[in-house]
Amino acid sequence: MHAERIERFENADLYVVITQDYCGEHRALEVLDAVLRAGVRIVQLREKSLCTSDYYELAVAFRERTLEAESLLLINDRLDIALACGADGVHLGLDDLPVPVARALAPELIIGASSHSLDEALAAEQAGASYVNIGPIFDTSTKDVATGSIGPEAIDAIRPYLTVPWSTMGGIKAHNIDQVLDKGARHPAVVTAITAAPNPEEAASQLRAAILARRGASE
């Protein structure tokens, strides 16, 4: 099952992270429905402020909708909630449950790991991560890390050494997505470029079109 899930991950394109606090006038489930209509097939639910019961309840609703749309669902931080709601995976930060522990507990789940440098990316891969996220690429208000933004050039310093899939995140918008696509990014991950957009479905469609146009030109 893990192999099938990671194959679906590789075949997908835009990676949308949804957090209610960044959804502006929309509700998280409204944004989810919009991006699924736009064809997004990787969704991460990321809630830092919800209590466990509310996080679980929202995750169950996300799982129902993503299953119907045949989209992957990843849960940020919380392996327990990922397992409880039947998600496809979990995304872990550097301060979360160690990747080897998560892999031992959930061998069939996609386990994503954040990285801000080559050393961190290689350590995550060696620990058993299914994919590694490289970021934050640009300045972002959704995540505060000591490194600050690492720039698109960091992709060139990291991706040649990885053998697992990778994504990119951090301040990626319509006006700068070409900078990560130029570096070979197949799965740019976005938050407010979608969640804060007046029309999340249209915003997701436009970003997907940019990714697919670049992918088609290189194949």
N, C-alpha and C. Protein backbone atom coordinates (compact mmCIF):
# COMPACT_ATOMS: atom_id res chain seq x y z
N MET A 1 0.83 -1.22 0.00
CA MET A 1 0.00 0.00 0.00
C MET A 1 0.86 1.27 0.00
N HIS A 2 1.98 1.23 0.71
CA HIS A 2 2.86 2.40 0.70
C HIS A 2 3.35 2.69 -0.70
N ALA A 3 3.75 1.66 -1.43
CA ALA A 3 4.27 1.86 -2.78
C ALA A 3 3.21 2.49 -3.68
N GLU A 4 1.97 2.04 -3.56
CA GLU A 4 0.89 2.60 -4.37
C GLU A 4 0.64 4.06 -4.00
N ARG A 5 0.69 4.36 -2.72
CA ARG A 5 0.46 5.73 -2.28
C ARG A 5 1.55 6.68 -2.77
N ILE A 6 2.80 6.25 -2.67
CA ILE A 6 3.88 7.14 -3.08
C ILE A 6 3.91 7.29 -4.61
N GLU A 7 3.45 6.28 -5.33
CA GLU A 7 3.32 6.41 -6.78
C GLU A 7 2.27 7.46 -7.11
N ARG A 8 1.17 7.46 -6.39
CA ARG A 8 0.14 8.48 -6.59
C ARG A 8 0.68 9.87 -6.26
N PHE A 9 1.49 9.94 -5.22
CA PHE A 9 2.11 11.20 -4.85
C PHE A 9 2.97 11.71 -6.01
N GLU A 10 3.80 10.86 -6.55
CA GLU A 10 4.69 11.25 -7.64
C GLU A 10 3.91 11.68 -8.89
N ASN A 11 2.78 11.05 -9.15
CA ASN A 11 2.01 11.35 -10.34
C ASN A 11 1.15 12.61 -10.18
N ALA A 12 0.98 13.08 -8.94
CA ALA A 12 0.20 14.29 -8.70
C ALA A 12 1.05 15.52 -8.97
N ASP A 13 0.47 16.69 -8.79
CA ASP A 13 1.21 17.93 -9.07
C ASP A 13 1.10 18.90 -7.89
N LEU A 14 0.15 19.81 -7.89
CA LEU A 14 0.03 20.80 -6.82
C LEU A 14 -0.30 20.14 -5.49
N TYR A 15 0.34 20.62 -4.44
CA TYR A 15 0.20 20.10 -3.08
C TYR A 15 -0.37 21.24 -2.25
N VAL A 16 -1.60 21.08 -1.78
CA VAL A 16 -2.28 22.16 -1.07
C VAL A 16 -2.36 21.84 0.42
N VAL A 17 -1.91 22.79 1.24
CA VAL A 17 -1.96 22.67 2.69
C VAL A 17 -3.06 23.59 3.20
N ILE A 18 -4.00 23.03 3.95
CA ILE A 18 -5.17 23.79 4.40
C ILE A 18 -5.16 23.93 5.92
N THR A 19 -5.22 25.18 6.35
CA THR A 19 -5.30 25.53 7.76
C THR A 19 -6.43 26.54 7.91
N GLN A 20 -7.38 26.29 8.80
CA GLN A 20 -8.52 27.18 8.93
C GLN A 20 -8.10 28.62 9.20
N ASP A 21 -7.07 28.82 10.01
CA ASP A 21 -6.65 30.18 10.35
C ASP A 21 -6.20 30.99 9.15
N TYR A 22 -5.85 30.32 8.05
CA TYR A 22 -5.39 31.01 6.85
C TYR A 22 -6.41 30.98 5.72
N CYS A 23 -7.64 30.62 6.06
CA CYS A 23 -8.66 30.49 5.02
C CYS A 23 -9.50 31.74 4.82
N GLY A 24 -9.17 32.82 5.51
CA GLY A 24 -9.88 34.07 5.30
C GLY A 24 -11.36 33.94 5.49
N GLU A 25 -12.11 34.32 4.46
CA GLU A 25 -13.57 34.31 4.56
C GLU A 25 -14.16 32.92 4.33
N HIS A 26 -13.33 31.97 3.97
CA HIS A 26 -13.82 30.62 3.68
C HIS A 26 -13.66 29.70 4.89
N ARG A 27 -14.40 28.63 4.89
CA ARG A 27 -14.18 27.56 5.85
C ARG A 27 -13.22 26.55 5.24
N ALA A 28 -12.52 25.81 6.10
CA ALA A 28 -11.52 24.85 5.61
C ALA A 28 -12.15 23.83 4.66
N LEU A 29 -13.34 23.36 4.99
CA LEU A 29 -13.99 22.36 4.13
C LEU A 29 -14.42 22.96 2.79
N GLU A 30 -14.76 24.24 2.79
CA GLU A 30 -15.10 24.90 1.52
C GLU A 30 -13.86 24.98 0.62
N VAL A 31 -12.72 25.30 1.22
CA VAL A 31 -11.48 25.35 0.45
C VAL A 31 -11.13 23.96 -0.06
N LEU A 32 -11.29 22.97 0.78
CA LEU A 32 -11.02 21.59 0.35
C LEU A 32 -11.88 21.23 -0.84
N ASP A 33 -13.18 21.47 -0.77
CA ASP A 33 -14.07 21.14 -1.88
C ASP A 33 -13.64 21.85 -3.16
N ALA A 34 -13.22 23.11 -3.01
CA ALA A 34 -12.81 23.89 -4.18
C ALA A 34 -11.57 23.30 -4.84
N VAL A 35 -10.56 22.97 -4.05
CA VAL A 35 -9.33 22.46 -4.65
C VAL A 35 -9.53 21.06 -5.23
N LEU A 36 -10.39 20.28 -4.62
CA LEU A 36 -10.67 18.96 -5.19
C LEU A 36 -11.38 19.10 -6.54
N ARG A 37 -12.27 20.07 -6.65
CA ARG A 37 -12.91 20.32 -7.95
C ARG A 37 -11.89 20.75 -8.98
N ALA A 38 -10.84 21.42 -8.54
CA ALA A 38 -9.78 21.88 -9.45
C ALA A 38 -8.82 20.76 -9.82
N GLY A 39 -8.99 19.58 -9.24
CA GLY A 39 -8.15 18.45 -9.61
C GLY A 39 -6.93 18.22 -8.73
N VAL A 40 -6.85 18.92 -7.60
CA VAL A 40 -5.72 18.73 -6.69
C VAL A 40 -5.79 17.33 -6.09
N ARG A 41 -4.64 16.63 -6.07
CA ARG A 41 -4.64 15.25 -5.59
C ARG A 41 -3.66 15.01 -4.44
N ILE A 42 -3.11 16.08 -3.88
CA ILE A 42 -2.38 15.98 -2.61
C ILE A 42 -2.87 17.11 -1.71
N VAL A 43 -3.45 16.73 -0.58
CA VAL A 43 -3.96 17.70 0.39
C VAL A 43 -3.38 17.38 1.75
N GLN A 44 -2.92 18.42 2.43
CA GLN A 44 -2.48 18.25 3.81
C GLN A 44 -3.38 19.10 4.71
N LEU A 45 -3.87 18.48 5.77
CA LEU A 45 -4.61 19.20 6.81
C LEU A 45 -3.63 19.57 7.90
N ARG A 46 -3.47 20.86 8.16
CA ARG A 46 -2.50 21.35 9.12
C ARG A 46 -3.19 22.26 10.12
N GLU A 47 -3.38 21.76 11.32
CA GLU A 47 -4.04 22.54 12.36
C GLU A 47 -3.19 22.52 13.62
N LYS A 48 -2.67 23.69 13.99
CA LYS A 48 -1.81 23.80 15.16
C LYS A 48 -2.58 24.18 16.42
N SER A 49 -3.76 24.76 16.26
CA SER A 49 -4.46 25.31 17.42
C SER A 49 -5.68 24.52 17.86
N LEU A 50 -6.13 23.56 17.04
CA LEU A 50 -7.32 22.79 17.41
C LEU A 50 -7.00 21.77 18.49
N CYS A 51 -7.96 21.53 19.37
CA CYS A 51 -7.81 20.44 20.34
C CYS A 51 -7.90 19.12 19.58
N THR A 52 -7.48 18.05 20.21
CA THR A 52 -7.41 16.75 19.54
C THR A 52 -8.76 16.31 18.99
N SER A 53 -9.82 16.47 19.77
CA SER A 53 -11.13 16.00 19.32
C SER A 53 -11.61 16.79 18.10
N ASP A 54 -11.38 18.10 18.08
CA ASP A 54 -11.79 18.90 16.93
C ASP A 54 -10.93 18.61 15.70
N TYR A 55 -9.64 18.41 15.95
CA TYR A 55 -8.73 18.07 14.84
C TYR A 55 -9.17 16.74 14.22
N TYR A 56 -9.47 15.77 15.06
CA TYR A 56 -9.92 14.47 14.56
C TYR A 56 -11.22 14.60 13.77
N GLU A 57 -12.17 15.35 14.31
CA GLU A 57 -13.46 15.51 13.62
C GLU A 57 -13.27 16.14 12.24
N LEU A 58 -12.43 17.16 12.16
CA LEU A 58 -12.17 17.80 10.87
C LEU A 58 -11.43 16.84 9.94
N ALA A 59 -10.50 16.07 10.48
CA ALA A 59 -9.75 15.11 9.67
C ALA A 59 -10.68 14.05 9.07
N VAL A 60 -11.65 13.60 9.83
CA VAL A 60 -12.60 12.62 9.32
C VAL A 60 -13.39 13.20 8.14
N ALA A 61 -13.82 14.44 8.27
CA ALA A 61 -14.54 15.09 7.17
C ALA A 61 -13.65 15.25 5.94
N PHE A 62 -12.39 15.61 6.16
CA PHE A 62 -11.43 15.71 5.05
C PHE A 62 -11.24 14.34 4.40
N ARG A 63 -11.16 13.29 5.21
CA ARG A 63 -10.95 11.95 4.66
C ARG A 63 -12.11 11.52 3.79
N GLU A 64 -13.32 11.81 4.21
CA GLU A 64 -14.49 11.42 3.42
C GLU A 64 -14.45 12.07 2.05
N ARG A 65 -14.14 13.35 2.02
CA ARG A 65 -14.14 14.09 0.75
C ARG A 65 -12.95 13.68 -0.13
N THR A 66 -11.77 13.51 0.46
CA THR A 66 -10.61 13.15 -0.36
C THR A 66 -10.72 11.73 -0.91
N LEU A 67 -11.33 10.84 -0.16
CA LEU A 67 -11.55 9.50 -0.68
C LEU A 67 -12.45 9.53 -1.91
N GLU A 68 -13.50 10.31 -1.82
CA GLU A 68 -14.44 10.41 -2.94
C GLU A 68 -13.76 10.98 -4.18
N ALA A 69 -12.83 11.91 -3.95
CA ALA A 69 -12.13 12.55 -5.07
C ALA A 69 -10.87 11.80 -5.48
N GLU A 70 -10.55 10.72 -4.81
CA GLU A 70 -9.34 9.94 -5.06
C GLU A 70 -8.09 10.80 -4.89
N SER A 71 -8.11 11.62 -3.85
CA SER A 71 -6.98 12.47 -3.51
C SER A 71 -6.29 11.94 -2.27
N LEU A 72 -4.97 12.08 -2.23
CA LEU A 72 -4.22 11.73 -1.04
C LEU A 72 -4.49 12.74 0.07
N LEU A 73 -4.60 12.25 1.29
CA LEU A 73 -4.75 13.12 2.46
C LEU A 73 -3.60 12.86 3.42
N LEU A 74 -2.87 13.92 3.73
CA LEU A 74 -1.81 13.86 4.73
C LEU A 74 -2.22 14.73 5.92
N ILE A 75 -1.84 14.30 7.11
CA ILE A 75 -2.13 15.04 8.33
C ILE A 75 -0.83 15.61 8.87
N ASN A 76 -0.83 16.89 9.20
CA ASN A 76 0.37 17.51 9.73
C ASN A 76 0.56 17.14 11.20
N ASP A 77 1.77 16.76 11.54
CA ASP A 77 2.22 16.53 12.92
C ASP A 77 1.69 15.27 13.59
N ARG A 78 0.40 15.00 13.45
CA ARG A 78 -0.28 14.06 14.34
C ARG A 78 -0.48 12.69 13.71
N LEU A 79 0.45 11.79 13.99
CA LEU A 79 0.32 10.43 13.49
C LEU A 79 -0.91 9.75 14.04
N ASP A 80 -1.25 10.02 15.29
CA ASP A 80 -2.43 9.39 15.88
C ASP A 80 -3.69 9.74 15.12
N ILE A 81 -3.82 11.00 14.73
CA ILE A 81 -5.01 11.42 13.99
C ILE A 81 -4.97 10.87 12.57
N ALA A 82 -3.80 10.82 11.96
CA ALA A 82 -3.68 10.24 10.62
C ALA A 82 -4.16 8.80 10.62
N LEU A 83 -3.73 8.03 11.61
CA LEU A 83 -4.16 6.64 11.70
C LEU A 83 -5.64 6.52 12.03
N ALA A 84 -6.11 7.36 12.92
CA ALA A 84 -7.50 7.27 13.37
C ALA A 84 -8.49 7.60 12.27
N CYS A 85 -8.14 8.55 11.39
CA CYS A 85 -9.08 8.94 10.35
C CYS A 85 -8.86 8.17 9.04
N GLY A 86 -7.82 7.34 8.99
CA GLY A 86 -7.54 6.58 7.78
C GLY A 86 -6.87 7.38 6.69
N ALA A 87 -6.09 8.38 7.08
CA ALA A 87 -5.38 9.20 6.10
C ALA A 87 -4.31 8.38 5.37
N ASP A 88 -3.80 8.95 4.28
CA ASP A 88 -2.76 8.28 3.50
C ASP A 88 -1.38 8.52 4.07
N GLY A 89 -1.24 9.53 4.91
CA GLY A 89 0.09 9.81 5.43
C GLY A 89 0.09 10.90 6.47
N VAL A 90 1.30 11.21 6.92
CA VAL A 90 1.53 12.24 7.93
C VAL A 90 2.74 13.04 7.50
N HIS A 91 2.73 14.33 7.81
CA HIS A 91 3.91 15.15 7.55
C HIS A 91 4.49 15.60 8.88
N LEU A 92 5.78 15.34 9.07
CA LEU A 92 6.44 15.59 10.35
C LEU A 92 7.49 16.68 10.22
N GLY A 93 7.45 17.60 11.19
CA GLY A 93 8.48 18.62 11.28
C GLY A 93 9.65 18.12 12.09
N LEU A 94 10.67 18.94 12.22
CA LEU A 94 11.88 18.52 12.92
C LEU A 94 11.65 18.32 14.41
N ASP A 95 10.61 18.93 14.96
CA ASP A 95 10.32 18.81 16.38
C ASP A 95 9.19 17.82 16.67
N ASP A 96 8.74 17.12 15.66
CA ASP A 96 7.65 16.16 15.83
C ASP A 96 8.20 14.76 16.12
N LEU A 97 7.31 13.79 16.10
CA LEU A 97 7.69 12.40 16.31
C LEU A 97 8.82 12.03 15.34
N PRO A 98 9.88 11.37 15.80
CA PRO A 98 10.96 11.00 14.87
C PRO A 98 10.47 10.10 13.75
N VAL A 99 11.01 10.31 12.57
CA VAL A 99 10.58 9.54 11.40
C VAL A 99 10.70 8.04 11.63
N PRO A 100 11.79 7.50 12.19
CA PRO A 100 11.87 6.04 12.37
C PRO A 100 10.77 5.49 13.28
N VAL A 101 10.37 6.27 14.28
CA VAL A 101 9.30 5.83 15.17
C VAL A 101 7.98 5.80 14.41
N ALA A 102 7.71 6.86 13.64
CA ALA A 102 6.49 6.90 12.84
C ALA A 102 6.46 5.77 11.83
N ARG A 103 7.60 5.50 11.19
CA ARG A 103 7.66 4.41 10.21
C ARG A 103 7.39 3.06 10.85
N ALA A 104 7.90 2.85 12.06
CA ALA A 104 7.66 1.58 12.75
C ALA A 104 6.19 1.42 13.12
N LEU A 105 5.55 2.51 13.49
CA LEU A 105 4.15 2.46 13.89
C LEU A 105 3.20 2.40 12.69
N ALA A 106 3.62 2.98 11.57
CA ALA A 106 2.73 3.09 10.41
C ALA A 106 3.50 2.80 9.13
N PRO A 107 3.88 1.55 8.92
CA PRO A 107 4.73 1.21 7.76
C PRO A 107 4.08 1.47 6.41
N GLU A 108 2.75 1.52 6.34
CA GLU A 108 2.09 1.69 5.05
C GLU A 108 1.74 3.14 4.74
N LEU A 109 1.98 4.03 5.68
CA LEU A 109 1.64 5.43 5.44
C LEU A 109 2.78 6.16 4.74
N ILE A 110 2.42 7.16 3.94
CA ILE A 110 3.40 8.12 3.46
C ILE A 110 3.86 8.92 4.67
N ILE A 111 5.16 9.05 4.84
CA ILE A 111 5.70 9.86 5.92
C ILE A 111 6.57 10.94 5.29
N GLY A 112 6.08 12.16 5.35
CA GLY A 112 6.83 13.29 4.84
C GLY A 112 7.63 13.94 5.94
N ALA A 113 8.74 14.55 5.59
CA ALA A 113 9.60 15.19 6.58
C ALA A 113 10.08 16.54 6.08
N SER A 114 10.04 17.52 6.96
CA SER A 114 10.53 18.86 6.62
C SER A 114 12.05 18.90 6.65
N SER A 115 12.62 19.73 5.80
CA SER A 115 14.07 19.96 5.83
C SER A 115 14.36 21.37 5.39
N HIS A 116 15.43 21.93 5.94
CA HIS A 116 15.84 23.28 5.60
C HIS A 116 17.27 23.32 5.06
N SER A 117 17.88 22.14 4.91
CA SER A 117 19.27 22.07 4.46
C SER A 117 19.53 20.69 3.88
N LEU A 118 20.66 20.53 3.23
CA LEU A 118 21.03 19.22 2.68
C LEU A 118 21.19 18.20 3.80
N ASP A 119 21.84 18.56 4.87
CA ASP A 119 22.04 17.61 5.97
C ASP A 119 20.72 17.12 6.53
N GLU A 120 19.77 18.03 6.71
CA GLU A 120 18.47 17.64 7.24
C GLU A 120 17.70 16.78 6.24
N ALA A 121 17.80 17.10 4.97
CA ALA A 121 17.10 16.32 3.94
C ALA A 121 17.65 14.89 3.88
N LEU A 122 18.97 14.76 3.89
CA LEU A 122 19.58 13.43 3.83
C LEU A 122 19.27 12.64 5.09
N ALA A 123 19.27 13.30 6.24
CA ALA A 123 18.95 12.61 7.49
C ALA A 123 17.52 12.09 7.46
N ALA A 124 16.60 12.89 6.91
CA ALA A 124 15.20 12.46 6.82
C ALA A 124 15.06 11.26 5.91
N GLU A 125 15.73 11.30 4.74
CA GLU A 125 15.67 10.17 3.82
C GLU A 125 16.24 8.92 4.47
N GLN A 126 17.38 9.04 5.10
CA GLN A 126 18.01 7.89 5.74
C GLN A 126 17.19 7.34 6.89
N ALA A 127 16.38 8.20 7.50
CA ALA A 127 15.54 7.77 8.62
C ALA A 127 14.29 7.04 8.16
N GLY A 128 14.00 7.10 6.86
CA GLY A 128 12.85 6.38 6.34
C GLY A 128 11.72 7.23 5.82
N ALA A 129 11.96 8.52 5.61
CA ALA A 129 10.91 9.38 5.07
C ALA A 129 10.52 8.95 3.65
N SER A 130 9.24 9.02 3.36
CA SER A 130 8.75 8.70 2.02
C SER A 130 9.05 9.81 1.03
N TYR A 131 8.97 11.04 1.51
CA TYR A 131 9.34 12.21 0.72
C TYR A 131 9.90 13.25 1.66
N VAL A 132 10.65 14.18 1.09
CA VAL A 132 11.27 15.25 1.87
C VAL A 132 10.79 16.58 1.32
N ASN A 133 10.39 17.47 2.22
CA ASN A 133 10.03 18.82 1.79
C ASN A 133 11.22 19.75 1.97
N ILE A 134 11.48 20.57 0.95
CA ILE A 134 12.57 21.54 0.98
C ILE A 134 11.96 22.93 1.16
N GLY A 135 12.36 23.65 2.21
CA GLY A 135 11.81 24.97 2.41
C GLY A 135 12.22 25.57 3.75
N PRO A 136 11.71 26.75 4.06
CA PRO A 136 10.84 27.59 3.22
C PRO A 136 11.64 28.28 2.11
N ILE A 137 11.11 28.19 0.90
CA ILE A 137 11.80 28.73 -0.26
C ILE A 137 11.80 30.27 -0.23
N PHE A 138 10.62 30.85 -0.02
CA PHE A 138 10.48 32.29 0.05
C PHE A 138 9.99 32.68 1.45
N ASP A 139 10.01 33.96 1.73
CA ASP A 139 9.49 34.42 3.02
C ASP A 139 8.01 34.05 3.14
N THR A 140 7.63 33.61 4.32
CA THR A 140 6.26 33.18 4.55
C THR A 140 5.83 33.50 5.96
N SER A 141 4.54 33.79 6.10
CA SER A 141 3.98 34.07 7.43
C SER A 141 3.35 32.84 8.06
N THR A 142 3.34 31.72 7.32
CA THR A 142 2.66 30.54 7.84
C THR A 142 3.58 29.62 8.62
N LYS A 143 4.89 29.88 8.57
CA LYS A 143 5.82 29.03 9.30
C LYS A 143 7.04 29.84 9.67
N ASP A 144 7.44 29.74 10.94
CA ASP A 144 8.60 30.48 11.43
C ASP A 144 9.72 29.50 11.73
N VAL A 145 10.81 29.60 10.95
CA VAL A 145 11.95 28.72 11.17
C VAL A 145 13.19 29.57 11.34
N ALA A 146 14.15 29.03 12.08
CA ALA A 146 15.35 29.80 12.41
C ALA A 146 16.15 30.16 11.17
N THR A 147 16.09 29.32 10.15
CA THR A 147 16.89 29.57 8.94
C THR A 147 16.37 30.75 8.14
N GLY A 148 15.09 31.08 8.30
CA GLY A 148 14.47 32.02 7.39
C GLY A 148 14.30 31.36 6.03
N SER A 149 13.95 32.15 5.03
CA SER A 149 13.80 31.58 3.68
C SER A 149 15.16 31.17 3.14
N ILE A 150 15.17 30.04 2.44
CA ILE A 150 16.45 29.50 1.96
C ILE A 150 16.65 29.74 0.46
N GLY A 151 15.62 30.21 -0.23
CA GLY A 151 15.75 30.59 -1.64
C GLY A 151 15.66 29.42 -2.60
N PRO A 152 15.24 29.68 -3.83
CA PRO A 152 15.13 28.62 -4.84
C PRO A 152 16.44 27.91 -5.10
N GLU A 153 17.56 28.61 -4.93
CA GLU A 153 18.86 27.99 -5.19
C GLU A 153 19.14 26.83 -4.25
N ALA A 154 18.47 26.79 -3.10
CA ALA A 154 18.67 25.67 -2.17
C ALA A 154 18.20 24.36 -2.79
N ILE A 155 17.25 24.44 -3.71
CA ILE A 155 16.77 23.22 -4.37
C ILE A 155 17.92 22.56 -5.13
N ASP A 156 18.72 23.36 -5.81
CA ASP A 156 19.86 22.81 -6.55
C ASP A 156 20.87 22.16 -5.63
N ALA A 157 20.96 22.65 -4.40
CA ALA A 157 21.94 22.12 -3.45
C ALA A 157 21.46 20.84 -2.77
N ILE A 158 20.16 20.55 -2.88
CA ILE A 158 19.59 19.42 -2.14
C ILE A 158 19.09 18.31 -3.05
N ARG A 159 18.31 18.65 -4.07
CA ARG A 159 17.60 17.62 -4.84
C ARG A 159 18.50 16.60 -5.53
N PRO A 160 19.71 16.96 -6.01
CA PRO A 160 20.52 15.95 -6.69
C PRO A 160 20.94 14.79 -5.79
N TYR A 161 20.89 14.99 -4.50
CA TYR A 161 21.35 13.98 -3.55
C TYR A 161 20.23 13.12 -2.99
N LEU A 162 18.99 13.45 -3.34
CA LEU A 162 17.85 12.70 -2.82
C LEU A 162 17.45 11.59 -3.79
N THR A 163 17.07 10.46 -3.23
CA THR A 163 16.54 9.36 -4.04
C THR A 163 15.05 9.17 -3.81
N VAL A 164 14.48 9.87 -2.82
CA VAL A 164 13.05 9.81 -2.57
C VAL A 164 12.40 11.04 -3.21
N PRO A 165 11.09 11.01 -3.41
CA PRO A 165 10.42 12.20 -3.94
C PRO A 165 10.61 13.40 -3.00
N TRP A 166 10.43 14.59 -3.55
CA TRP A 166 10.57 15.80 -2.74
C TRP A 166 9.55 16.83 -3.17
N SER A 167 9.22 17.69 -2.23
CA SER A 167 8.32 18.80 -2.49
C SER A 167 9.01 20.09 -2.05
N THR A 168 8.41 21.21 -2.37
CA THR A 168 8.94 22.51 -1.99
C THR A 168 7.82 23.33 -1.38
N MET A 169 8.16 24.16 -0.41
CA MET A 169 7.13 24.93 0.27
C MET A 169 7.71 26.23 0.80
N GLY A 170 6.84 27.18 1.06
CA GLY A 170 7.23 28.42 1.69
C GLY A 170 7.09 29.63 0.78
N GLY A 171 5.98 30.34 0.90
CA GLY A 171 5.79 31.57 0.16
C GLY A 171 5.62 31.42 -1.33
N ILE A 172 5.29 30.23 -1.80
CA ILE A 172 5.12 30.01 -3.24
C ILE A 172 3.76 30.55 -3.68
N LYS A 173 3.79 31.43 -4.67
CA LYS A 173 2.59 32.09 -5.20
C LYS A 173 2.61 32.02 -6.73
N ALA A 174 1.54 32.53 -7.32
CA ALA A 174 1.46 32.53 -8.78
C ALA A 174 2.61 33.32 -9.41
N HIS A 175 3.05 34.40 -8.76
CA HIS A 175 4.06 35.26 -9.36
C HIS A 175 5.48 34.71 -9.25
N ASN A 176 5.69 33.70 -8.38
CA ASN A 176 7.05 33.17 -8.24
C ASN A 176 7.16 31.66 -8.41
N ILE A 177 6.05 31.00 -8.73
CA ILE A 177 6.10 29.55 -8.85
C ILE A 177 7.07 29.10 -9.95
N ASP A 178 7.24 29.93 -10.97
CA ASP A 178 8.18 29.57 -12.04
C ASP A 178 9.60 29.39 -11.51
N GLN A 179 9.93 30.08 -10.44
CA GLN A 179 11.29 29.97 -9.90
C GLN A 179 11.56 28.59 -9.31
N VAL A 180 10.54 27.93 -8.75
CA VAL A 180 10.74 26.57 -8.26
C VAL A 180 10.54 25.55 -9.37
N LEU A 181 9.67 25.87 -10.32
CA LEU A 181 9.50 24.97 -11.46
C LEU A 181 10.78 24.93 -12.29
N ASP A 182 11.47 26.05 -12.38
CA ASP A 182 12.75 26.09 -13.10
C ASP A 182 13.78 25.15 -12.48
N LYS A 183 13.62 24.88 -11.19
CA LYS A 183 14.55 24.00 -10.47
C LYS A 183 14.11 22.54 -10.49
N GLY A 184 13.05 22.25 -11.23
CA GLY A 184 12.59 20.87 -11.35
C GLY A 184 11.52 20.45 -10.38
N ALA A 185 10.93 21.40 -9.65
CA ALA A 185 9.90 21.04 -8.67
C ALA A 185 8.68 20.46 -9.37
N ARG A 186 8.26 19.30 -8.90
CA ARG A 186 7.06 18.64 -9.41
C ARG A 186 5.87 18.82 -8.48
N HIS A 187 6.13 19.12 -7.22
CA HIS A 187 5.06 19.20 -6.22
C HIS A 187 5.20 20.45 -5.37
N PRO A 188 5.06 21.63 -5.96
CA PRO A 188 5.08 22.83 -5.14
C PRO A 188 3.92 22.80 -4.14
N ALA A 189 4.22 23.07 -2.89
CA ALA A 189 3.19 23.07 -1.85
C ALA A 189 2.85 24.50 -1.50
N VAL A 190 1.57 24.78 -1.40
CA VAL A 190 1.11 26.15 -1.16
C VAL A 190 0.07 26.18 -0.05
N VAL A 191 0.00 27.33 0.61
CA VAL A 191 -1.03 27.54 1.64
C VAL A 191 -1.88 28.73 1.19
N THR A 192 -1.46 29.93 1.54
CA THR A 192 -2.32 31.10 1.32
C THR A 192 -2.53 31.44 -0.15
N ALA A 193 -1.66 30.96 -1.04
CA ALA A 193 -1.89 31.19 -2.46
C ALA A 193 -3.24 30.62 -2.88
N ILE A 194 -3.71 29.62 -2.13
CA ILE A 194 -5.01 29.01 -2.39
C ILE A 194 -6.02 29.42 -1.32
N THR A 195 -5.66 29.20 -0.06
CA THR A 195 -6.65 29.36 1.02
C THR A 195 -7.13 30.80 1.18
N ALA A 196 -6.28 31.78 0.89
CA ALA A 196 -6.65 33.18 1.04
C ALA A 196 -7.13 33.80 -0.26
N ALA A 197 -7.18 33.02 -1.32
CA ALA A 197 -7.62 33.55 -2.61
C ALA A 197 -9.13 33.77 -2.61
N PRO A 198 -9.60 34.81 -3.30
CA PRO A 198 -11.05 35.02 -3.38
C PRO A 198 -11.78 33.81 -3.97
N ASN A 199 -11.13 33.17 -4.94
CA ASN A 199 -11.70 31.98 -5.58
C ASN A 199 -10.66 30.86 -5.52
N PRO A 200 -10.68 30.04 -4.46
CA PRO A 200 -9.66 28.99 -4.31
C PRO A 200 -9.63 28.00 -5.47
N GLU A 201 -10.78 27.70 -6.05
CA GLU A 201 -10.81 26.75 -7.17
C GLU A 201 -10.07 27.32 -8.37
N GLU A 202 -10.32 28.57 -8.67
CA GLU A 202 -9.64 29.20 -9.80
C GLU A 202 -8.14 29.32 -9.54
N ALA A 203 -7.77 29.68 -8.32
CA ALA A 203 -6.36 29.81 -7.98
C ALA A 203 -5.64 28.47 -8.10
N ALA A 204 -6.28 27.41 -7.64
CA ALA A 204 -5.68 26.08 -7.74
C ALA A 204 -5.56 25.64 -9.19
N SER A 205 -6.56 25.93 -9.98
CA SER A 205 -6.52 25.56 -11.40
C SER A 205 -5.38 26.26 -12.12
N GLN A 206 -5.17 27.54 -11.81
CA GLN A 206 -4.11 28.31 -12.46
C GLN A 206 -2.73 27.78 -12.08
N LEU A 207 -2.54 27.46 -10.80
CA LEU A 207 -1.24 26.93 -10.38
C LEU A 207 -0.99 25.55 -10.97
N ARG A 208 -2.04 24.72 -11.02
CA ARG A 208 -1.89 23.40 -11.63
C ARG A 208 -1.53 23.54 -13.11
N ALA A 209 -2.15 24.48 -13.80
CA ALA A 209 -1.86 24.68 -15.22
C ALA A 209 -0.40 25.06 -15.42
N ALA A 210 0.13 25.90 -14.53
CA ALA A 210 1.54 26.29 -14.65
C ALA A 210 2.47 25.09 -14.46
N ILE A 211 2.15 24.25 -13.47
CA ILE A 211 2.97 23.07 -13.22
C ILE A 211 2.91 22.10 -14.39
N LEU A 212 1.70 21.84 -14.86
CA LEU A 212 1.53 20.85 -15.92
C LEU A 212 2.12 21.34 -17.24
N ALA A 213 2.05 22.64 -17.50
CA ALA A 213 2.65 23.17 -18.72
C ALA A 213 4.16 22.99 -18.70
N ARG A 214 4.76 23.24 -17.55
CA ARG A 214 6.21 23.08 -17.44
C ARG A 214 6.61 21.59 -17.51
N ARG A 215 5.79 20.75 -16.87
CA ARG A 215 6.08 19.32 -16.90
C ARG A 215 5.97 18.77 -18.30
N GLY A 216 4.93 19.20 -19.03
CA GLY A 216 4.75 18.74 -20.39
C GLY A 216 5.88 19.17 -21.30
N ALA A 217 6.40 20.38 -21.06
CA ALA A 217 7.47 20.89 -21.91
C ALA A 217 8.78 20.16 -21.68
N SER A 218 8.93 19.55 -20.51
CA SER A 218 10.20 18.89 -20.19
C SER A 218 10.17 17.40 -20.46
N GLU A 219 9.03 16.86 -20.84
CA GLU A 219 8.90 15.40 -21.04
C GLU A 219 8.85 15.07 -22.52
